[in-house]
């Protein structure tokens, strides 16, 4: 059933409003995915949705809103309000949109929002102002099975936040910084690795990785991680 939805997040970010603003508006590839905003009221947005959008509020380090719509009545609004607090930033975020399958998509949106803003905090803490090479990949259809994400968790050896996890593709260890039944985050010295158990909503398992090393080859990494996913579920 099509229905309007509103998902909110608020919490402390361990960086100044200027740094947090930069991460949201120019550094989203380091924690979300690459999005471009023309830096002004009325500026163009690209990369957030398939349709493109427009910046409706651009008040650096304080208030940011972007909006998109289509001809069928769908719309999407993201709003960020930033306030200085205790040497960092108190961030208030609101996402308003229209969902087709409300119960499934609303739960997915809430859980993704929590994970993304955790990743924003990790980015600001460990990779602030650094640009990332980002890629994503999806697992085969077999990964839609109800317990499919357990294969990722077992392969990484992730049992609790703070554990060491082994990343087979680059052949390095990292620390588990996020762990729920739907998502796993692993941080290394030069990357944030994000694993998405979207099978709980009937979608394939996916990954979205943020590589900060200057010599990182995102295309090569994408091929290697796709092969890894195919090996788990092929």
C-alpha atoms as a PDB file:
ATOM      1  CA  UNK A   1       0.000   0.000   0.000  1.00  0.00           C
ATOM      2  CA  UNK A   2       1.436   3.382  -1.032  1.00  0.00           C
ATOM      3  CA  UNK A   3       1.865   5.651   1.961  1.00  0.00           C
ATOM      4  CA  UNK A   4       3.887   8.681   3.021  1.00  0.00           C
ATOM      5  CA  UNK A   5       6.647   7.931   5.526  1.00  0.00           C
ATOM      6  CA  UNK A   6       8.901   9.909   7.832  1.00  0.00           C
ATOM      7  CA  UNK A   7      12.117   8.527   9.327  1.00  0.00           C
ATOM      8  CA  UNK A   8      14.195  10.546  11.770  1.00  0.00           C
ATOM      9  CA  UNK A   9      17.634  10.314  13.305  1.00  0.00           C
ATOM     10  CA  UNK A  10      19.310  12.530  15.841  1.00  0.00           C
ATOM     11  CA  UNK A  11      22.566  12.161  17.682  1.00  0.00           C
ATOM     12  CA  UNK A  12      26.041  13.452  18.414  1.00  0.00           C
ATOM     13  CA  UNK A  13      28.687  13.499  15.699  1.00  0.00           C
ATOM     14  CA  UNK A  14      32.358  13.607  16.778  1.00  0.00           C
ATOM     15  CA  UNK A  15      33.384  16.494  14.519  1.00  0.00           C
ATOM     16  CA  UNK A  16      32.718  20.191  14.118  1.00  0.00           C
ATOM     17  CA  UNK A  17      29.634  21.396  12.239  1.00  0.00           C
ATOM     18  CA  UNK A  18      31.919  22.427   9.363  1.00  0.00           C
ATOM     19  CA  UNK A  19      33.400  18.927   9.109  1.00  0.00           C
ATOM     20  CA  UNK A  20      29.999  17.264   9.484  1.00  0.00           C
ATOM     21  CA  UNK A  21      28.566  19.572   6.818  1.00  0.00           C
ATOM     22  CA  UNK A  22      31.418  18.659   4.464  1.00  0.00           C
ATOM     23  CA  UNK A  23      30.851  14.952   5.034  1.00  0.00           C
ATOM     24  CA  UNK A  24      27.159  15.303   4.181  1.00  0.00           C
ATOM     25  CA  UNK A  25      27.451  17.623   1.192  1.00  0.00           C
ATOM     26  CA  UNK A  26      30.770  16.759  -0.477  1.00  0.00           C
ATOM     27  CA  UNK A  27      32.047  13.592   1.232  1.00  0.00           C
ATOM     28  CA  UNK A  28      29.056  11.246   1.090  1.00  0.00           C
ATOM     29  CA  UNK A  29      31.090   8.662  -0.839  1.00  0.00           C
ATOM     30  CA  UNK A  30      32.988   8.026   2.380  1.00  0.00           C
ATOM     31  CA  UNK A  31      29.998   6.762   4.364  1.00  0.00           C
ATOM     32  CA  UNK A  32      26.862   6.630   2.169  1.00  0.00           C
ATOM     33  CA  UNK A  33      27.437   6.706  -1.593  1.00  0.00           C
ATOM     34  CA  UNK A  34      28.620   9.469  -3.953  1.00  0.00           C
ATOM     35  CA  UNK A  35      26.061  12.285  -4.315  1.00  0.00           C
ATOM     36  CA  UNK A  36      26.644  15.683  -5.888  1.00  0.00           C
ATOM     37  CA  UNK A  37      24.989  18.896  -4.779  1.00  0.00           C
ATOM     38  CA  UNK A  38      25.366  22.249  -6.476  1.00  0.00           C
ATOM     39  CA  UNK A  39      26.278  24.451  -3.471  1.00  0.00           C
ATOM     40  CA  UNK A  40      23.437  26.965  -3.369  1.00  0.00           C
ATOM     41  CA  UNK A  41      19.711  27.293  -2.821  1.00  0.00           C
ATOM     42  CA  UNK A  42      18.130  25.953  -5.991  1.00  0.00           C
ATOM     43  CA  UNK A  43      21.237  23.949  -6.885  1.00  0.00           C
ATOM     44  CA  UNK A  44      20.988  20.618  -8.664  1.00  0.00           C
ATOM     45  CA  UNK A  45      21.314  17.271  -6.889  1.00  0.00           C
ATOM     46  CA  UNK A  46      22.455  14.132  -8.676  1.00  0.00           C
ATOM     47  CA  UNK A  47      23.108  10.606  -7.481  1.00  0.00           C
ATOM     48  CA  UNK A  48      20.706  10.471  -4.543  1.00  0.00           C
ATOM     49  CA  UNK A  49      17.733   9.173  -6.505  1.00  0.00           C
ATOM     50  CA  UNK A  50      17.232   8.056 -10.131  1.00  0.00           C
ATOM     51  CA  UNK A  51      15.355  11.267 -10.916  1.00  0.00           C
ATOM     52  CA  UNK A  52      17.702  13.977  -9.714  1.00  0.00           C
ATOM     53  CA  UNK A  53      16.590  16.744  -7.399  1.00  0.00           C
ATOM     54  CA  UNK A  54      17.156  20.233  -6.091  1.00  0.00           C
ATOM     55  CA  UNK A  55      18.789  21.789  -3.038  1.00  0.00           C
ATOM     56  CA  UNK A  56      16.082  23.838  -1.308  1.00  0.00           C
ATOM     57  CA  UNK A  57      18.057  25.014   1.747  1.00  0.00           C
ATOM     58  CA  UNK A  58      21.824  25.624   1.721  1.00  0.00           C
ATOM     59  CA  UNK A  59      23.071  27.243   4.934  1.00  0.00           C
ATOM     60  CA  UNK A  60      26.624  25.961   5.408  1.00  0.00           C
ATOM     61  CA  UNK A  61      27.336  24.175   8.689  1.00  0.00           C
ATOM     62  CA  UNK A  62      23.752  24.773   9.861  1.00  0.00           C
ATOM     63  CA  UNK A  63      20.888  23.604   7.668  1.00  0.00           C
ATOM     64  CA  UNK A  64      20.628  21.540   4.468  1.00  0.00           C
ATOM     65  CA  UNK A  65      17.567  20.275   2.581  1.00  0.00           C
ATOM     66  CA  UNK A  66      17.292  18.498  -0.762  1.00  0.00           C
ATOM     67  CA  UNK A  67      14.094  17.555  -2.594  1.00  0.00           C
ATOM     68  CA  UNK A  68      13.146  15.351  -5.543  1.00  0.00           C
ATOM     69  CA  UNK A  69       9.881  14.331  -7.178  1.00  0.00           C
ATOM     70  CA  UNK A  70       8.450  12.588 -10.222  1.00  0.00           C
ATOM     71  CA  UNK A  71       5.349  12.991 -12.341  1.00  0.00           C
ATOM     72  CA  UNK A  72       3.454  10.242 -10.477  1.00  0.00           C
ATOM     73  CA  UNK A  73       3.307  11.977  -7.109  1.00  0.00           C
ATOM     74  CA  UNK A  74       6.404  10.393  -5.589  1.00  0.00           C
ATOM     75  CA  UNK A  75       8.692  12.718  -3.666  1.00  0.00           C
ATOM     76  CA  UNK A  76      11.788  12.481  -1.476  1.00  0.00           C
ATOM     77  CA  UNK A  77      13.054  15.057   1.039  1.00  0.00           C
ATOM     78  CA  UNK A  78      16.184  14.884   3.196  1.00  0.00           C
ATOM     79  CA  UNK A  79      16.762  17.504   5.875  1.00  0.00           C
ATOM     80  CA  UNK A  80      19.828  17.968   8.081  1.00  0.00           C
ATOM     81  CA  UNK A  81      20.028  20.433  10.971  1.00  0.00           C
ATOM     82  CA  UNK A  82      23.467  20.849  12.588  1.00  0.00           C
ATOM     83  CA  UNK A  83      24.157  22.455  15.955  1.00  0.00           C
ATOM     84  CA  UNK A  84      27.531  22.817  17.724  1.00  0.00           C
ATOM     85  CA  UNK A  85      27.663  20.794  20.943  1.00  0.00           C
ATOM     86  CA  UNK A  86      30.459  19.700  23.303  1.00  0.00           C
ATOM     87  CA  UNK A  87      33.172  20.187  20.699  1.00  0.00           C
ATOM     88  CA  UNK A  88      31.213  18.259  18.091  1.00  0.00           C
ATOM     89  CA  UNK A  89      27.871  18.437  16.323  1.00  0.00           C
ATOM     90  CA  UNK A  90      24.350  17.492  17.318  1.00  0.00           C
ATOM     91  CA  UNK A  91      22.726  16.295  14.107  1.00  0.00           C
ATOM     92  CA  UNK A  92      18.996  16.147  13.437  1.00  0.00           C
ATOM     93  CA  UNK A  93      17.943  14.345  10.272  1.00  0.00           C
ATOM     94  CA  UNK A  94      14.546  13.779   8.726  1.00  0.00           C
ATOM     95  CA  UNK A  95      13.701  11.735   5.619  1.00  0.00           C
ATOM     96  CA  UNK A  96      10.217  12.064   4.151  1.00  0.00           C
ATOM     97  CA  UNK A  97       9.116  10.086   1.105  1.00  0.00           C
ATOM     98  CA  UNK A  98       6.398   7.868  -0.383  1.00  0.00           C
ATOM     99  CA  UNK A  99       6.718   4.086  -0.065  1.00  0.00           C
ATOM    100  CA  UNK A 100       4.912   1.439  -2.124  1.00  0.00           C
ATOM    101  CA  UNK A 101       5.125  -1.509   0.284  1.00  0.00           C
ATOM    102  CA  UNK A 102       4.962   0.548   3.467  1.00  0.00           C
ATOM    103  CA  UNK A 103       5.510  -2.059   6.193  1.00  0.00           C
ATOM    104  CA  UNK A 104       8.517  -3.658   4.490  1.00  0.00           C
ATOM    105  CA  UNK A 105      10.099  -0.509   3.089  1.00  0.00           C
ATOM    106  CA  UNK A 106       9.602   1.568   6.236  1.00  0.00           C
ATOM    107  CA  UNK A 107      11.407  -1.005   8.380  1.00  0.00           C
ATOM    108  CA  UNK A 108      14.194  -1.167   5.805  1.00  0.00           C
ATOM    109  CA  UNK A 109      14.459   2.628   5.723  1.00  0.00           C
ATOM    110  CA  UNK A 110      14.661   2.887   9.519  1.00  0.00           C
ATOM    111  CA  UNK A 111      17.378   0.269   9.798  1.00  0.00           C
ATOM    112  CA  UNK A 112      19.391   1.641   6.875  1.00  0.00           C
ATOM    113  CA  UNK A 113      19.170   5.122   8.388  1.00  0.00           C
ATOM    114  CA  UNK A 114      20.654   3.911  11.670  1.00  0.00           C
ATOM    115  CA  UNK A 115      23.473   2.106   9.873  1.00  0.00           C
ATOM    116  CA  UNK A 116      24.287   5.016   7.556  1.00  0.00           C
ATOM    117  CA  UNK A 117      24.515   7.512  10.394  1.00  0.00           C
ATOM    118  CA  UNK A 118      26.700   5.150  12.388  1.00  0.00           C
ATOM    119  CA  UNK A 119      28.942   5.005   9.304  1.00  0.00           C
ATOM    120  CA  UNK A 120      28.935   8.814   9.177  1.00  0.00           C
ATOM    121  CA  UNK A 121      30.263   8.830  12.734  1.00  0.00           C
ATOM    122  CA  UNK A 122      32.948   6.284  11.825  1.00  0.00           C
ATOM    123  CA  UNK A 123      33.947   8.372   8.832  1.00  0.00           C
ATOM    124  CA  UNK A 124      34.198  11.569  10.883  1.00  0.00           C
ATOM    125  CA  UNK A 125      36.210   9.809  13.584  1.00  0.00           C
ATOM    126  CA  UNK A 126      38.683   7.908  11.418  1.00  0.00           C
ATOM    127  CA  UNK A 127      38.670   9.358   7.876  1.00  0.00           C
ATOM    128  CA  UNK A 128      37.509  12.954   8.245  1.00  0.00           C
ATOM    129  CA  UNK A 129      37.815  15.045   5.052  1.00  0.00           C
ATOM    130  CA  UNK A 130      39.284  12.127   3.082  1.00  0.00           C
ATOM    131  CA  UNK A 131      37.739  11.217  -0.259  1.00  0.00           C
ATOM    132  CA  UNK A 132      36.792   7.593  -0.853  1.00  0.00           C
ATOM    133  CA  UNK A 133      36.602   5.310  -3.828  1.00  0.00           C
ATOM    134  CA  UNK A 134      33.192   3.672  -3.465  1.00  0.00           C
ATOM    135  CA  UNK A 135      31.689   0.585  -5.029  1.00  0.00           C
ATOM    136  CA  UNK A 136      28.731  -1.671  -4.402  1.00  0.00           C
ATOM    137  CA  UNK A 137      27.821  -5.191  -5.468  1.00  0.00           C
ATOM    138  CA  UNK A 138      24.904  -7.540  -5.081  1.00  0.00           C
ATOM    139  CA  UNK A 139      24.821 -11.249  -4.306  1.00  0.00           C
ATOM    140  CA  UNK A 140      22.979 -13.850  -6.401  1.00  0.00           C
ATOM    141  CA  UNK A 141      19.235 -14.465  -6.042  1.00  0.00           C
ATOM    142  CA  UNK A 142      19.932 -17.358  -3.653  1.00  0.00           C
ATOM    143  CA  UNK A 143      20.930 -14.750  -1.064  1.00  0.00           C
ATOM    144  CA  UNK A 144      17.250 -13.790  -0.658  1.00  0.00           C
ATOM    145  CA  UNK A 145      16.764 -16.850   1.564  1.00  0.00           C
ATOM    146  CA  UNK A 146      15.684 -16.002   5.150  1.00  0.00           C
ATOM    147  CA  UNK A 147      18.960 -17.039   6.803  1.00  0.00           C
ATOM    148  CA  UNK A 148      21.296 -16.177   3.945  1.00  0.00           C
ATOM    149  CA  UNK A 149      23.111 -13.344   5.736  1.00  0.00           C
ATOM    150  CA  UNK A 150      24.447 -15.806   8.287  1.00  0.00           C
ATOM    151  CA  UNK A 151      26.919 -16.949   5.610  1.00  0.00           C
ATOM    152  CA  UNK A 152      28.478 -13.465   5.522  1.00  0.00           C
ATOM    153  CA  UNK A 153      28.675 -13.285   9.293  1.00  0.00           C
ATOM    154  CA  UNK A 154      30.341 -16.710   9.470  1.00  0.00           C
ATOM    155  CA  UNK A 155      32.808 -15.891   6.680  1.00  0.00           C
ATOM    156  CA  UNK A 156      33.899 -12.721   8.468  1.00  0.00           C
ATOM    157  CA  UNK A 157      34.010 -14.342  11.894  1.00  0.00           C
ATOM    158  CA  UNK A 158      31.888 -11.493  13.292  1.00  0.00           C
ATOM    159  CA  UNK A 159      30.301 -12.287  16.654  1.00  0.00           C
ATOM    160  CA  UNK A 160      30.308  -8.944  18.491  1.00  0.00           C
ATOM    161  CA  UNK A 161      31.202  -5.284  18.027  1.00  0.00           C
ATOM    162  CA  UNK A 162      34.906  -4.883  18.735  1.00  0.00           C
ATOM    163  CA  UNK A 163      35.807  -8.330  17.410  1.00  0.00           C
ATOM    164  CA  UNK A 164      38.490  -8.787  14.826  1.00  0.00           C
ATOM    165  CA  UNK A 165      37.085  -9.836  11.442  1.00  0.00           C
ATOM    166  CA  UNK A 166      39.006 -11.369   8.557  1.00  0.00           C
ATOM    167  CA  UNK A 167      38.372  -9.908   5.116  1.00  0.00           C
ATOM    168  CA  UNK A 168      39.336 -12.606   2.665  1.00  0.00           C
ATOM    169  CA  UNK A 169      39.375 -10.470  -0.485  1.00  0.00           C
ATOM    170  CA  UNK A 170      42.024  -7.911   0.549  1.00  0.00           C
ATOM    171  CA  UNK A 171      43.493 -10.455   2.980  1.00  0.00           C
ATOM    172  CA  UNK A 172      43.475  -8.160   6.015  1.00  0.00           C
ATOM    173  CA  UNK A 173      41.860  -7.994   9.420  1.00  0.00           C
ATOM    174  CA  UNK A 174      39.591  -5.246  10.628  1.00  0.00           C
ATOM    175  CA  UNK A 175      37.459  -4.432  13.625  1.00  0.00           C
ATOM    176  CA  UNK A 176      33.707  -5.013  13.686  1.00  0.00           C
ATOM    177  CA  UNK A 177      32.214  -1.559  14.304  1.00  0.00           C
ATOM    178  CA  UNK A 178      28.538  -2.442  13.693  1.00  0.00           C
ATOM    179  CA  UNK A 179      26.647  -5.704  14.023  1.00  0.00           C
ATOM    180  CA  UNK A 180      22.941  -6.478  13.858  1.00  0.00           C
ATOM    181  CA  UNK A 181      20.923  -9.266  12.287  1.00  0.00           C
ATOM    182  CA  UNK A 182      20.703  -7.143   9.128  1.00  0.00           C
ATOM    183  CA  UNK A 183      24.024  -5.296   8.810  1.00  0.00           C
ATOM    184  CA  UNK A 184      27.730  -5.696   9.508  1.00  0.00           C
ATOM    185  CA  UNK A 185      30.322  -2.928   9.447  1.00  0.00           C
ATOM    186  CA  UNK A 186      34.052  -3.626   9.455  1.00  0.00           C
ATOM    187  CA  UNK A 187      36.688  -0.889   9.660  1.00  0.00           C
ATOM    188  CA  UNK A 188      40.330  -1.217   8.650  1.00  0.00           C
ATOM    189  CA  UNK A 189      43.120   1.352   8.573  1.00  0.00           C
ATOM    190  CA  UNK A 190      42.117   2.476   5.090  1.00  0.00           C
ATOM    191  CA  UNK A 191      38.520   1.389   4.458  1.00  0.00           C
ATOM    192  CA  UNK A 192      34.971   1.016   5.721  1.00  0.00           C
ATOM    193  CA  UNK A 193      33.443  -2.287   4.599  1.00  0.00           C
ATOM    194  CA  UNK A 194      29.638  -2.447   4.759  1.00  0.00           C
ATOM    195  CA  UNK A 195      27.575  -5.638   4.410  1.00  0.00           C
ATOM    196  CA  UNK A 196      23.807  -5.456   3.946  1.00  0.00           C
ATOM    197  CA  UNK A 197      21.567  -8.372   4.934  1.00  0.00           C
ATOM    198  CA  UNK A 198      18.661  -7.169   2.822  1.00  0.00           C
ATOM    199  CA  UNK A 199      17.377 -10.714   2.545  1.00  0.00           C
ATOM    200  CA  UNK A 200      15.258 -10.002   5.642  1.00  0.00           C
ATOM    201  CA  UNK A 201      13.095  -7.833   3.347  1.00  0.00           C
ATOM    202  CA  UNK A 202      13.166 -10.303   0.475  1.00  0.00           C
ATOM    203  CA  UNK A 203      16.005  -8.630  -1.425  1.00  0.00           C
ATOM    204  CA  UNK A 204      19.499  -9.959  -2.249  1.00  0.00           C
ATOM    205  CA  UNK A 205      22.394  -9.492   0.158  1.00  0.00           C
ATOM    206  CA  UNK A 206      24.622  -6.589  -0.872  1.00  0.00           C
ATOM    207  CA  UNK A 207      27.825  -4.771  -0.064  1.00  0.00           C
ATOM    208  CA  UNK A 208      28.924  -1.134  -0.253  1.00  0.00           C
ATOM    209  CA  UNK A 209      32.584  -0.448   0.463  1.00  0.00           C
ATOM    210  CA  UNK A 210      34.474   2.827   0.964  1.00  0.00           C
ATOM    211  CA  UNK A 211      38.190   2.686   0.135  1.00  0.00           C
ATOM    212  CA  UNK A 212      40.427   5.523   1.318  1.00  0.00           C
ATOM    213  CA  UNK A 213      43.879   4.338   0.215  1.00  0.00           C
ATOM    214  CA  UNK A 214      45.230   6.521  -2.600  1.00  0.00           C
ATOM    215  CA  UNK A 215      46.204   3.478  -4.656  1.00  0.00           C
ATOM    216  CA  UNK A 216      42.893   1.642  -4.144  1.00  0.00           C
ATOM    217  CA  UNK A 217      41.445   0.126  -7.320  1.00  0.00           C
ATOM    218  CA  UNK A 218      37.676   0.160  -6.880  1.00  0.00           C
ATOM    219  CA  UNK A 219      36.971  -1.694 -10.133  1.00  0.00           C
ATOM    220  CA  UNK A 220      39.325  -4.515  -9.191  1.00  0.00           C
ATOM    221  CA  UNK A 221      37.893  -4.656  -5.684  1.00  0.00           C
ATOM    222  CA  UNK A 222      34.344  -4.773  -7.036  1.00  0.00           C
ATOM    223  CA  UNK A 223      35.196  -7.749  -9.245  1.00  0.00           C
ATOM    224  CA  UNK A 224      36.878  -9.565  -6.369  1.00  0.00           C
ATOM    225  CA  UNK A 225      34.032  -8.952  -3.927  1.00  0.00           C
ATOM    226  CA  UNK A 226      31.431  -9.960  -6.524  1.00  0.00           C
ATOM    227  CA  UNK A 227      33.290 -13.236  -6.955  1.00  0.00           C
ATOM    228  CA  UNK A 228      33.326 -13.611  -3.160  1.00  0.00           C
ATOM    229  CA  UNK A 229      29.553 -13.134  -2.978  1.00  0.00           C
ATOM    230  CA  UNK A 230      29.043 -15.566  -5.843  1.00  0.00           C
ATOM    231  CA  UNK A 231      31.162 -18.091  -3.980  1.00  0.00           C
ATOM    232  CA  UNK A 232      28.960 -17.769  -0.898  1.00  0.00           C
ATOM    233  CA  UNK A 233      25.657 -18.034  -2.736  1.00  0.00           C
ATOM    234  CA  UNK A 234      26.379 -19.375  -6.207  1.00  0.00           C
END
